[in-house]
Amino acid sequence: RVEHVATYCYQCVAGPDLLTVKVVDGVATEVEPNFCASEIHPG
């Protein structure tokens, strides 16, 4: 069961960076970019 969960990173004050987490059978396996708001996001 594969999901792509939209979230953000605020590990430092350079964020927040929008990202998508790939979740396989309830386990996060990798981080991917999130281009849904690319037109307005500074990054």
Full PDB file with SEQRES, HELIX, SHEET, SSBOND, CRYST1, ORIGX, SCALE, CONECT and MASTER records, all heavy atoms in Angstrom:
SEQRES   1 A   43  ARG VAL GLU HIS VAL ALA THR TYR CYS TYR GLN CYS VAL          
SEQRES   2 A   43  ALA GLY PRO ASP LEU LEU THR VAL LYS VAL VAL ASP GLY          
SEQRES   3 A   43  VAL ALA THR GLU VAL GLU PRO ASN PHE CYS ALA SER GLU          
SEQRES   4 A   43  ILE HIS PRO GLY                                              
SHEET    1 AA1 3 VAL A   2  CYS A   9  0                                        
SHEET    2 AA1 3 ASP A  17  VAL A  24 -1                                        
SHEET    3 AA1 3 VAL A  27  PRO A  33 -1                                        
CRYST1    1.000    1.000    1.000  90.00  90.00  90.00 P 1           1          
ORIGX1      1.000000  0.000000  0.000000        0.00000                         
ORIGX2      0.000000  1.000000  0.000000        0.00000                         
ORIGX3      0.000000  0.000000  1.000000        0.00000                         
SCALE1      1.000000  0.000000  0.000000        0.00000                         
SCALE2      0.000000  1.000000  0.000000        0.00000                         
SCALE3      0.000000  0.000000  1.000000        0.00000                         
ATOM      1  N   ARG A   1       0.857  -1.188   0.000  1.00  0.00           N  
ATOM      2  CA  ARG A   1       0.000   0.000   0.000  1.00  0.00           C  
ATOM      3  C   ARG A   1       0.894   1.239   0.000  1.00  0.00           C  
ATOM      4  O   ARG A   1       1.635   1.493   0.946  1.00  0.00           O  
ATOM      5  CB  ARG A   1      -0.910  -0.006   1.224  1.00  0.00           C  
ATOM      6  CG  ARG A   1      -1.920   1.147   1.269  1.00  0.00           C  
ATOM      7  CD  ARG A   1      -2.986   0.880   2.340  1.00  0.00           C  
ATOM      8  NE  ARG A   1      -2.379   0.620   3.635  1.00  0.00           N  
ATOM      9  CZ  ARG A   1      -2.096   1.576   4.538  1.00  0.00           C  
ATOM     10  NH1 ARG A   1      -2.353   2.831   4.256  1.00  0.00           N  
ATOM     11  NH2 ARG A   1      -1.559   1.247   5.691  1.00  0.00           N  
ATOM     12  N   VAL A   2       0.856   1.997  -1.077  1.00  0.00           N  
ATOM     13  CA  VAL A   2       1.738   3.160  -1.250  1.00  0.00           C  
ATOM     14  C   VAL A   2       0.915   4.450  -1.187  1.00  0.00           C  
ATOM     15  O   VAL A   2      -0.109   4.572  -1.863  1.00  0.00           O  
ATOM     16  CB  VAL A   2       2.506   3.087  -2.588  1.00  0.00           C  
ATOM     17  CG1 VAL A   2       3.404   4.293  -2.750  1.00  0.00           C  
ATOM     18  CG2 VAL A   2       3.316   1.795  -2.654  1.00  0.00           C  
ATOM     19  N   GLU A   3       1.367   5.379  -0.357  1.00  0.00           N  
ATOM     20  CA  GLU A   3       0.733   6.693  -0.249  1.00  0.00           C  
ATOM     21  C   GLU A   3       1.793   7.775  -0.464  1.00  0.00           C  
ATOM     22  O   GLU A   3       2.985   7.552  -0.221  1.00  0.00           O  
ATOM     23  CB  GLU A   3       0.107   6.891   1.131  1.00  0.00           C  
ATOM     24  CG  GLU A   3      -0.978   5.910   1.506  1.00  0.00           C  
ATOM     25  CD  GLU A   3      -1.451   6.150   2.933  1.00  0.00           C  
ATOM     26  OE1 GLU A   3      -2.351   6.983   3.126  1.00  0.00           O  
ATOM     27  OE2 GLU A   3      -0.889   5.518   3.845  1.00  0.00           O  
ATOM     28  N   HIS A   4       1.344   8.942  -0.887  1.00  0.00           N  
ATOM     29  CA  HIS A   4       2.216  10.109  -0.996  1.00  0.00           C  
ATOM     30  C   HIS A   4       1.590  11.218  -0.160  1.00  0.00           C  
ATOM     31  O   HIS A   4       0.576  11.806  -0.548  1.00  0.00           O  
ATOM     32  CB  HIS A   4       2.371  10.534  -2.459  1.00  0.00           C  
ATOM     33  CG  HIS A   4       3.077   9.516  -3.296  1.00  0.00           C  
ATOM     34  ND1 HIS A   4       4.448   9.503  -3.467  1.00  0.00           N  
ATOM     35  CD2 HIS A   4       2.615   8.436  -3.988  1.00  0.00           C  
ATOM     36  CE1 HIS A   4       4.793   8.489  -4.233  1.00  0.00           C  
ATOM     37  NE2 HIS A   4       3.692   7.819  -4.563  1.00  0.00           N  
ATOM     38  N   VAL A   5       2.184  11.475   1.006  1.00  0.00           N  
ATOM     39  CA  VAL A   5       1.610  12.396   1.990  1.00  0.00           C  
ATOM     40  C   VAL A   5       2.287  13.756   1.881  1.00  0.00           C  
ATOM     41  O   VAL A   5       3.513  13.864   2.004  1.00  0.00           O  
ATOM     42  CB  VAL A   5       1.764  11.836   3.423  1.00  0.00           C  
ATOM     43  CG1 VAL A   5       1.138  12.790   4.431  1.00  0.00           C  
ATOM     44  CG2 VAL A   5       1.139  10.451   3.511  1.00  0.00           C  
ATOM     45  N   ALA A   6       1.497  14.788   1.656  1.00  0.00           N  
ATOM     46  CA  ALA A   6       2.035  16.153   1.576  1.00  0.00           C  
ATOM     47  C   ALA A   6       2.288  16.700   2.973  1.00  0.00           C  
ATOM     48  O   ALA A   6       1.442  16.582   3.860  1.00  0.00           O  
ATOM     49  CB  ALA A   6       1.054  17.054   0.830  1.00  0.00           C  
ATOM     50  N   THR A   7       3.455  17.269   3.181  1.00  0.00           N  
ATOM     51  CA  THR A   7       3.794  17.888   4.470  1.00  0.00           C  
ATOM     52  C   THR A   7       4.831  18.974   4.212  1.00  0.00           C  
ATOM     53  O   THR A   7       4.974  19.455   3.087  1.00  0.00           O  
ATOM     54  CB  THR A   7       4.319  16.837   5.470  1.00  0.00           C  
ATOM     55  OG1 THR A   7       4.586  17.473   6.728  1.00  0.00           O  
ATOM     56  CG2 THR A   7       5.583  16.166   4.962  1.00  0.00           C  
ATOM     57  N   TYR A   8       5.544  19.402   5.234  1.00  0.00           N  
ATOM     58  CA  TYR A   8       6.561  20.430   5.053  1.00  0.00           C  
ATOM     59  C   TYR A   8       7.693  20.220   6.044  1.00  0.00           C  
ATOM     60  O   TYR A   8       7.533  19.546   7.060  1.00  0.00           O  
ATOM     61  CB  TYR A   8       5.964  21.835   5.214  1.00  0.00           C  
ATOM     62  CG  TYR A   8       5.414  22.126   6.598  1.00  0.00           C  
ATOM     63  CD1 TYR A   8       6.205  22.724   7.572  1.00  0.00           C  
ATOM     64  CD2 TYR A   8       4.099  21.806   6.928  1.00  0.00           C  
ATOM     65  CE1 TYR A   8       5.716  22.989   8.832  1.00  0.00           C  
ATOM     66  CE2 TYR A   8       3.595  22.069   8.184  1.00  0.00           C  
ATOM     67  CZ  TYR A   8       4.404  22.663   9.133  1.00  0.00           C  
ATOM     68  OH  TYR A   8       3.914  22.913  10.387  1.00  0.00           O  
ATOM     69  N   CYS A   9       8.837  20.788   5.746  1.00  0.00           N  
ATOM     70  CA  CYS A   9      10.003  20.727   6.636  1.00  0.00           C  
ATOM     71  C   CYS A   9      10.222  22.086   7.260  1.00  0.00           C  
ATOM     72  O   CYS A   9      10.268  23.103   6.558  1.00  0.00           O  
ATOM     73  CB  CYS A   9      11.250  20.306   5.847  1.00  0.00           C  
ATOM     74  SG  CYS A   9      12.777  20.401   6.818  1.00  0.00           S  
ATOM     75  N   TYR A  10      10.363  22.102   8.597  1.00  0.00           N  
ATOM     76  CA  TYR A  10      10.706  23.346   9.291  1.00  0.00           C  
ATOM     77  C   TYR A  10      11.851  23.051  10.263  1.00  0.00           C  
ATOM     78  O   TYR A  10      11.828  23.447  11.418  1.00  0.00           O  
ATOM     79  CB  TYR A  10       9.498  23.908  10.030  1.00  0.00           C  
ATOM     80  CG  TYR A  10       9.400  25.421   9.967  1.00  0.00           C  
ATOM     81  CD1 TYR A  10       8.176  26.054  10.002  1.00  0.00           C  
ATOM     82  CD2 TYR A  10      10.540  26.214   9.869  1.00  0.00           C  
ATOM     83  CE1 TYR A  10       8.073  27.433   9.935  1.00  0.00           C  
ATOM     84  CE2 TYR A  10      10.449  27.589   9.809  1.00  0.00           C  
ATOM     85  CZ  TYR A  10       9.214  28.202   9.842  1.00  0.00           C  
ATOM     86  OH  TYR A  10       9.139  29.563   9.777  1.00  0.00           O  
ATOM     87  N   GLN A  11      12.836  22.299   9.762  1.00  0.00           N  
ATOM     88  CA  GLN A  11      13.973  21.949  10.604  1.00  0.00           C  
ATOM     89  C   GLN A  11      14.847  23.161  10.901  1.00  0.00           C  
ATOM     90  O   GLN A  11      15.636  23.152  11.830  1.00  0.00           O  
ATOM     91  CB  GLN A  11      14.809  20.868   9.922  1.00  0.00           C  
ATOM     92  CG  GLN A  11      14.089  19.542   9.770  1.00  0.00           C  
ATOM     93  CD  GLN A  11      13.769  18.891  11.103  1.00  0.00           C  
ATOM     94  OE1 GLN A  11      14.666  18.473  11.816  1.00  0.00           O  
ATOM     95  NE2 GLN A  11      12.489  18.810  11.449  1.00  0.00           N  
ATOM     96  N   CYS A  12      14.748  24.208  10.079  1.00  0.00           N  
ATOM     97  CA  CYS A  12      15.509  25.431  10.325  1.00  0.00           C  
ATOM     98  C   CYS A  12      14.689  26.600   9.804  1.00  0.00           C  
ATOM     99  O   CYS A  12      13.643  26.430   9.181  1.00  0.00           O  
ATOM    100  CB  CYS A  12      16.877  25.379   9.640  1.00  0.00           C  
ATOM    101  SG  CYS A  12      16.808  25.513   7.851  1.00  0.00           S  
ATOM    102  N   VAL A  13      15.166  27.808  10.068  1.00  0.00           N  
ATOM    103  CA  VAL A  13      14.401  29.001   9.707  1.00  0.00           C  
ATOM    104  C   VAL A  13      14.504  29.333   8.226  1.00  0.00           C  
ATOM    105  O   VAL A  13      13.949  30.332   7.780  1.00  0.00           O  
ATOM    106  CB  VAL A  13      14.854  30.215  10.543  1.00  0.00           C  
ATOM    107  CG1 VAL A  13      14.499  30.013  11.997  1.00  0.00           C  
ATOM    108  CG2 VAL A  13      16.359  30.441  10.395  1.00  0.00           C  
ATOM    109  N   ALA A  14      15.206  28.511   7.422  1.00  0.00           N  
ATOM    110  CA  ALA A  14      15.233  28.727   5.984  1.00  0.00           C  
ATOM    111  C   ALA A  14      13.961  28.201   5.322  1.00  0.00           C  
ATOM    112  O   ALA A  14      13.695  28.507   4.173  1.00  0.00           O  
ATOM    113  CB  ALA A  14      16.454  28.063   5.351  1.00  0.00           C  
ATOM    114  N   GLY A  15      13.171  27.409   6.067  1.00  0.00           N  
ATOM    115  CA  GLY A  15      11.933  26.857   5.530  1.00  0.00           C  
ATOM    116  C   GLY A  15      10.768  27.812   5.709  1.00  0.00           C  
ATOM    117  O   GLY A  15      10.968  28.995   5.952  1.00  0.00           O  
ATOM    118  N   PRO A  16       9.512  27.286   5.576  1.00  0.00           N  
ATOM    119  CA  PRO A  16       9.219  25.871   5.394  1.00  0.00           C  
ATOM    120  C   PRO A  16       9.367  25.427   3.945  1.00  0.00           C  
ATOM    121  O   PRO A  16       8.961  26.140   3.036  1.00  0.00           O  
ATOM    122  CB  PRO A  16       7.756  25.764   5.836  1.00  0.00           C  
ATOM    123  CG  PRO A  16       7.180  27.106   5.530  1.00  0.00           C  
ATOM    124  CD  PRO A  16       8.290  28.094   5.734  1.00  0.00           C  
ATOM    125  N   ASP A  17       9.963  24.234   3.759  1.00  0.00           N  
ATOM    126  CA  ASP A  17      10.050  23.629   2.439  1.00  0.00           C  
ATOM    127  C   ASP A  17       8.883  22.651   2.269  1.00  0.00           C  
ATOM    128  O   ASP A  17       8.667  21.775   3.116  1.00  0.00           O  
ATOM    129  CB  ASP A  17      11.372  22.870   2.274  1.00  0.00           C  
ATOM    130  CG  ASP A  17      12.539  23.816   2.065  1.00  0.00           C  
ATOM    131  OD1 ASP A  17      12.289  25.015   1.884  1.00  0.00           O  
ATOM    132  OD2 ASP A  17      13.682  23.337   2.078  1.00  0.00           O  
ATOM    133  N   LEU A  18       8.136  22.817   1.185  1.00  0.00           N  
ATOM    134  CA  LEU A  18       7.055  21.885   0.894  1.00  0.00           C  
ATOM    135  C   LEU A  18       7.658  20.571   0.393  1.00  0.00           C  
ATOM    136  O   LEU A  18       8.615  20.574  -0.370  1.00  0.00           O  
ATOM    137  CB  LEU A  18       6.125  22.475  -0.163  1.00  0.00           C  
ATOM    138  CG  LEU A  18       5.572  23.868   0.131  1.00  0.00           C  
ATOM    139  CD1 LEU A  18       4.680  24.322  -0.997  1.00  0.00           C  
ATOM    140  CD2 LEU A  18       4.834  23.893   1.456  1.00  0.00           C  
ATOM    141  N   LEU A  19       7.091  19.458   0.828  1.00  0.00           N  
ATOM    142  CA  LEU A  19       7.612  18.172   0.384  1.00  0.00           C  
ATOM    143  C   LEU A  19       6.512  17.120   0.430  1.00  0.00           C  
ATOM    144  O   LEU A  19       5.442  17.341   1.009  1.00  0.00           O  
ATOM    145  CB  LEU A  19       8.813  17.737   1.220  1.00  0.00           C  
ATOM    146  CG  LEU A  19       8.651  17.689   2.749  1.00  0.00           C  
ATOM    147  CD1 LEU A  19       8.216  16.298   3.192  1.00  0.00           C  
ATOM    148  CD2 LEU A  19       9.958  18.060   3.429  1.00  0.00           C  
ATOM    149  N   THR A  20       6.785  15.994  -0.181  1.00  0.00           N  
ATOM    150  CA  THR A  20       5.883  14.845  -0.169  1.00  0.00           C  
ATOM    151  C   THR A  20       6.657  13.643   0.366  1.00  0.00           C  
ATOM    152  O   THR A  20       7.799  13.408  -0.042  1.00  0.00           O  
ATOM    153  CB  THR A  20       5.372  14.529  -1.587  1.00  0.00           C  
ATOM    154  OG1 THR A  20       4.707  15.683  -2.107  1.00  0.00           O  
ATOM    155  CG2 THR A  20       4.403  13.375  -1.556  1.00  0.00           C  
ATOM    156  N   VAL A  21       6.047  12.912   1.278  1.00  0.00           N  
ATOM    157  CA  VAL A  21       6.679  11.731   1.858  1.00  0.00           C  
ATOM    158  C   VAL A  21       6.023  10.484   1.262  1.00  0.00           C  
ATOM    159  O   VAL A  21       4.798  10.325   1.307  1.00  0.00           O  
ATOM    160  CB  VAL A  21       6.551  11.712   3.387  1.00  0.00           C  
ATOM    161  CG1 VAL A  21       7.201  10.454   3.968  1.00  0.00           C  
ATOM    162  CG2 VAL A  21       7.193  12.958   3.984  1.00  0.00           C  
ATOM    163  N   LYS A  22       6.840   9.632   0.697  1.00  0.00           N  
ATOM    164  CA  LYS A  22       6.347   8.359   0.178  1.00  0.00           C  
ATOM    165  C   LYS A  22       6.250   7.374   1.337  1.00  0.00           C  
ATOM    166  O   LYS A  22       7.223   7.118   2.043  1.00  0.00           O  
ATOM    167  CB  LYS A  22       7.292   7.821  -0.899  1.00  0.00           C  
ATOM    168  CG  LYS A  22       6.806   6.511  -1.526  1.00  0.00           C  
ATOM    169  CD  LYS A  22       7.784   6.032  -2.605  1.00  0.00           C  
ATOM    170  CE  LYS A  22       7.319   4.714  -3.215  1.00  0.00           C  
ATOM    171  NZ  LYS A  22       8.268   4.234  -4.264  1.00  0.00           N  
ATOM    172  N   VAL A  23       5.042   6.829   1.554  1.00  0.00           N  
ATOM    173  CA  VAL A  23       4.783   5.919   2.671  1.00  0.00           C  
ATOM    174  C   VAL A  23       4.369   4.562   2.103  1.00  0.00           C  
ATOM    175  O   VAL A  23       3.379   4.466   1.361  1.00  0.00           O  
ATOM    176  CB  VAL A  23       3.679   6.479   3.591  1.00  0.00           C  
ATOM    177  CG1 VAL A  23       3.442   5.526   4.756  1.00  0.00           C  
ATOM    178  CG2 VAL A  23       4.053   7.865   4.090  1.00  0.00           C  
ATOM    179  N   VAL A  24       5.123   3.520   2.422  1.00  0.00           N  
ATOM    180  CA  VAL A  24       4.853   2.159   1.954  1.00  0.00           C  
ATOM    181  C   VAL A  24       4.433   1.305   3.148  1.00  0.00           C  
ATOM    182  O   VAL A  24       5.227   1.112   4.086  1.00  0.00           O  
ATOM    183  CB  VAL A  24       6.094   1.554   1.260  1.00  0.00           C  
ATOM    184  CG1 VAL A  24       5.784   0.136   0.785  1.00  0.00           C  
ATOM    185  CG2 VAL A  24       6.535   2.424   0.104  1.00  0.00           C  
ATOM    186  N   ASP A  25       3.180   0.834   3.115  1.00  0.00           N  
ATOM    187  CA  ASP A  25       2.646   0.019   4.217  1.00  0.00           C  
ATOM    188  C   ASP A  25       2.855   0.701   5.564  1.00  0.00           C  
ATOM    189  O   ASP A  25       3.282   0.085   6.549  1.00  0.00           O  
ATOM    190  CB  ASP A  25       3.274  -1.372   4.223  1.00  0.00           C  
ATOM    191  CG  ASP A  25       2.795  -2.224   3.052  1.00  0.00           C  
ATOM    192  OD1 ASP A  25       1.689  -1.947   2.537  1.00  0.00           O  
ATOM    193  OD2 ASP A  25       3.530  -3.152   2.655  1.00  0.00           O  
ATOM    194  N   GLY A  26       2.603   2.007   5.607  1.00  0.00           N  
ATOM    195  CA  GLY A  26       2.691   2.755   6.855  1.00  0.00           C  
ATOM    196  C   GLY A  26       4.082   3.189   7.250  1.00  0.00           C  
ATOM    197  O   GLY A  26       4.267   3.787   8.311  1.00  0.00           O  
ATOM    198  N   VAL A  27       5.077   2.911   6.430  1.00  0.00           N  
ATOM    199  CA  VAL A  27       6.463   3.271   6.745  1.00  0.00           C  
ATOM    200  C   VAL A  27       6.959   4.314   5.745  1.00  0.00           C  
ATOM    201  O   VAL A  27       6.880   4.098   4.526  1.00  0.00           O  
ATOM    202  CB  VAL A  27       7.383   2.027   6.707  1.00  0.00           C  
ATOM    203  CG1 VAL A  27       8.823   2.442   6.983  1.00  0.00           C  
ATOM    204  CG2 VAL A  27       6.914   0.997   7.715  1.00  0.00           C  
ATOM    205  N   ALA A  28       7.441   5.433   6.248  1.00  0.00           N  
ATOM    206  CA  ALA A  28       8.007   6.459   5.374  1.00  0.00           C  
ATOM    207  C   ALA A  28       9.309   5.938   4.773  1.00  0.00           C  
ATOM    208  O   ALA A  28      10.201   5.487   5.505  1.00  0.00           O  
ATOM    209  CB  ALA A  28       8.265   7.739   6.153  1.00  0.00           C  
ATOM    210  N   THR A  29       9.417   6.004   3.458  1.00  0.00           N  
ATOM    211  CA  THR A  29      10.595   5.442   2.789  1.00  0.00           C  
ATOM    212  C   THR A  29      11.448   6.486   2.086  1.00  0.00           C  
ATOM    213  O   THR A  29      12.654   6.304   1.941  1.00  0.00           O  
ATOM    214  CB  THR A  29      10.183   4.375   1.765  1.00  0.00           C  
ATOM    215  OG1 THR A  29       9.317   4.982   0.782  1.00  0.00           O  
ATOM    216  CG2 THR A  29       9.458   3.222   2.441  1.00  0.00           C  
ATOM    217  N   GLU A  30      10.852   7.585   1.624  1.00  0.00           N  
ATOM    218  CA  GLU A  30      11.654   8.597   0.942  1.00  0.00           C  
ATOM    219  C   GLU A  30      10.921   9.938   0.909  1.00  0.00           C  
ATOM    220  O   GLU A  30       9.696  10.000   1.093  1.00  0.00           O  
ATOM    221  CB  GLU A  30      12.014   8.154  -0.474  1.00  0.00           C  
ATOM    222  CG  GLU A  30      10.831   7.853  -1.374  1.00  0.00           C  
ATOM    223  CD  GLU A  30      11.263   7.310  -2.730  1.00  0.00           C  
ATOM    224  OE1 GLU A  30      11.608   8.144  -3.589  1.00  0.00           O  
ATOM    225  OE2 GLU A  30      11.279   6.064  -2.895  1.00  0.00           O  
ATOM    226  N   VAL A  31      11.697  10.969   0.670  1.00  0.00           N  
ATOM    227  CA  VAL A  31      11.181  12.338   0.582  1.00  0.00           C  
ATOM    228  C   VAL A  31      11.254  12.799  -0.865  1.00  0.00           C  
ATOM    229  O   VAL A  31      12.262  12.574  -1.542  1.00  0.00           O  
ATOM    230  CB  VAL A  31      11.988  13.291   1.494  1.00  0.00           C  
ATOM    231  CG1 VAL A  31      11.631  14.740   1.225  1.00  0.00           C  
ATOM    232  CG2 VAL A  31      11.747  12.940   2.956  1.00  0.00           C  
ATOM    233  N   GLU A  32      10.179  13.410  -1.332  1.00  0.00           N  
ATOM    234  CA  GLU A  32      10.114  13.890  -2.703  1.00  0.00           C  
ATOM    235  C   GLU A  32       9.710  15.361  -2.710  1.00  0.00           C  
ATOM    236  O   GLU A  32       9.079  15.834  -1.762  1.00  0.00           O  
ATOM    237  CB  GLU A  32       9.078  13.080  -3.497  1.00  0.00           C  
ATOM    238  CG  GLU A  32       9.317  11.578  -3.498  1.00  0.00           C  
ATOM    239  CD  GLU A  32       8.117  10.819  -4.051  1.00  0.00           C  
ATOM    240  OE1 GLU A  32       7.011  11.411  -4.081  1.00  0.00           O  
ATOM    241  OE2 GLU A  32       8.289   9.655  -4.443  1.00  0.00           O  
ATOM    242  N   PRO A  33      10.037  16.096  -3.770  1.00  0.00           N  
ATOM    243  CA  PRO A  33       9.575  17.481  -3.882  1.00  0.00           C  
ATOM    244  C   PRO A  33       8.052  17.540  -4.018  1.00  0.00           C  
ATOM    245  O   PRO A  33       7.402  16.548  -4.327  1.00  0.00           O  
ATOM    246  CB  PRO A  33      10.256  17.997  -5.152  1.00  0.00           C  
ATOM    247  CG  PRO A  33      11.372  17.049  -5.407  1.00  0.00           C  
ATOM    248  CD  PRO A  33      10.934  15.714  -4.870  1.00  0.00           C  
ATOM    249  N   ASN A  34       7.501  18.716  -3.763  1.00  0.00           N  
ATOM    250  CA  ASN A  34       6.068  18.950  -3.936  1.00  0.00           C  
ATOM    251  C   ASN A  34       5.904  20.202  -4.790  1.00  0.00           C  
ATOM    252  O   ASN A  34       6.132  21.320  -4.326  1.00  0.00           O  
ATOM    253  CB  ASN A  34       5.386  19.127  -2.579  1.00  0.00           C  
ATOM    254  CG  ASN A  34       3.883  19.266  -2.699  1.00  0.00           C  
ATOM    255  OD1 ASN A  34       3.353  19.524  -3.774  1.00  0.00           O  
ATOM    256  ND2 ASN A  34       3.182  19.095  -1.588  1.00  0.00           N  
ATOM    257  N   PHE A  35       5.519  20.013  -6.024  1.00  0.00           N  
ATOM    258  CA  PHE A  35       5.437  21.127  -6.964  1.00  0.00           C  
ATOM    259  C   PHE A  35       4.035  21.728  -7.061  1.00  0.00           C  
ATOM    260  O   PHE A  35       3.775  22.540  -7.941  1.00  0.00           O  
ATOM    261  CB  PHE A  35       5.887  20.660  -8.354  1.00  0.00           C  
ATOM    262  CG  PHE A  35       7.327  20.233  -8.405  1.00  0.00           C  
ATOM    263  CD1 PHE A  35       7.672  18.900  -8.593  1.00  0.00           C  
ATOM    264  CD2 PHE A  35       8.341  21.163  -8.243  1.00  0.00           C  
ATOM    265  CE1 PHE A  35       9.005  18.512  -8.633  1.00  0.00           C  
ATOM    266  CE2 PHE A  35       9.669  20.780  -8.279  1.00  0.00           C  
ATOM    267  CZ  PHE A  35      10.011  19.456  -8.475  1.00  0.00           C  
ATOM    268  N   CYS A  36       3.131  21.332  -6.150  1.00  0.00           N  
ATOM    269  CA  CYS A  36       1.753  21.827  -6.225  1.00  0.00           C  
ATOM    270  C   CYS A  36       1.679  23.346  -6.095  1.00  0.00           C  
ATOM    271  O   CYS A  36       0.812  23.983  -6.691  1.00  0.00           O  
ATOM    272  CB  CYS A  36       0.895  21.174  -5.145  1.00  0.00           C  
ATOM    273  SG  CYS A  36       0.676  19.391  -5.368  1.00  0.00           S  
ATOM    274  N   ALA A  37       2.567  23.927  -5.286  1.00  0.00           N  
ATOM    275  CA  ALA A  37       2.549  25.374  -5.072  1.00  0.00           C  
ATOM    276  C   ALA A  37       3.816  26.029  -5.623  1.00  0.00           C  
ATOM    277  O   ALA A  37       4.258  27.062  -5.133  1.00  0.00           O  
ATOM    278  CB  ALA A  37       2.402  25.683  -3.586  1.00  0.00           C  
ATOM    279  N   SER A  38       4.389  25.414  -6.643  1.00  0.00           N  
ATOM    280  CA  SER A  38       5.673  25.906  -7.157  1.00  0.00           C  
ATOM    281  C   SER A  38       5.593  27.339  -7.689  1.00  0.00           C  
ATOM    282  O   SER A  38       6.585  28.058  -7.691  1.00  0.00           O  
ATOM    283  CB  SER A  38       6.192  24.970  -8.258  1.00  0.00           C  
ATOM    284  OG  SER A  38       5.262  24.902  -9.326  1.00  0.00           O  
ATOM    285  N   GLU A  39       4.403  27.745  -8.123  1.00  0.00           N  
ATOM    286  CA  GLU A  39       4.271  29.078  -8.701  1.00  0.00           C  
ATOM    287  C   GLU A  39       4.402  30.176  -7.641  1.00  0.00           C  
ATOM    288  O   GLU A  39       4.781  31.302  -7.952  1.00  0.00           O  
ATOM    289  CB  GLU A  39       2.930  29.211  -9.423  1.00  0.00           C  
ATOM    290  CG  GLU A  39       2.772  28.292 -10.623  1.00  0.00           C  
ATOM    291  CD  GLU A  39       3.798  28.596 -11.707  1.00  0.00           C  
ATOM    292  OE1 GLU A  39       4.075  29.789 -11.931  1.00  0.00           O  
ATOM    293  OE2 GLU A  39       4.332  27.637 -12.307  1.00  0.00           O  
ATOM    294  N   ILE A  40       4.075  29.869  -6.397  1.00  0.00           N  
ATOM    295  CA  ILE A  40       4.099  30.899  -5.349  1.00  0.00           C  
ATOM    296  C   ILE A  40       5.137  30.618  -4.263  1.00  0.00           C  
ATOM    297  O   ILE A  40       5.437  31.488  -3.453  1.00  0.00           O  
ATOM    298  CB  ILE A  40       2.713  31.049  -4.692  1.00  0.00           C  
ATOM    299  CG1 ILE A  40       2.269  29.722  -4.056  1.00  0.00           C  
ATOM    300  CG2 ILE A  40       1.686  31.540  -5.711  1.00  0.00           C  
ATOM    301  CD1 ILE A  40       0.988  29.841  -3.244  1.00  0.00           C  
ATOM    302  N   HIS A  41       5.695  29.398  -4.226  1.00  0.00           N  
ATOM    303  CA  HIS A  41       6.672  29.062  -3.184  1.00  0.00           C  
ATOM    304  C   HIS A  41       8.043  29.616  -3.565  1.00  0.00           C  
ATOM    305  O   HIS A  41       8.469  29.474  -4.723  1.00  0.00           O  
ATOM    306  CB  HIS A  41       6.750  27.539  -3.024  1.00  0.00           C  
ATOM    307  CG  HIS A  41       7.637  27.108  -1.902  1.00  0.00           C  
ATOM    308  ND1 HIS A  41       8.888  26.578  -2.105  1.00  0.00           N  
ATOM    309  CD2 HIS A  41       7.465  27.144  -0.571  1.00  0.00           C  
ATOM    310  CE1 HIS A  41       9.442  26.294  -0.940  1.00  0.00           C  
ATOM    311  NE2 HIS A  41       8.598  26.627   0.004  1.00  0.00           N  
ATOM    312  N   PRO A  42       8.755  30.281  -2.607  1.00  0.00           N  
ATOM    313  CA  PRO A  42      10.067  30.862  -2.938  1.00  0.00           C  
ATOM    314  C   PRO A  42      11.065  29.846  -3.472  1.00  0.00           C  
ATOM    315  O   PRO A  42      11.948  30.187  -4.264  1.00  0.00           O  
ATOM    316  CB  PRO A  42      10.543  31.444  -1.595  1.00  0.00           C  
ATOM    317  CG  PRO A  42       9.297  31.660  -0.808  1.00  0.00           C  
ATOM    318  CD  PRO A  42       8.346  30.584  -1.228  1.00  0.00           C  
ATOM    319  N   GLY A  43      10.930  28.581  -3.052  1.00  0.00           N  
ATOM    320  CA  GLY A  43      11.835  27.541  -3.511  1.00  0.00           C  
ATOM    321  C   GLY A  43      11.310  26.764  -4.695  1.00  0.00           C  
ATOM    322  O   GLY A  43      11.906  25.749  -5.076  1.00  0.00           O  
TER     323      GLY A  43                                                      
MASTER        0    0    0    0    3    0    0    6  322    1    0    4          
END                                                                             
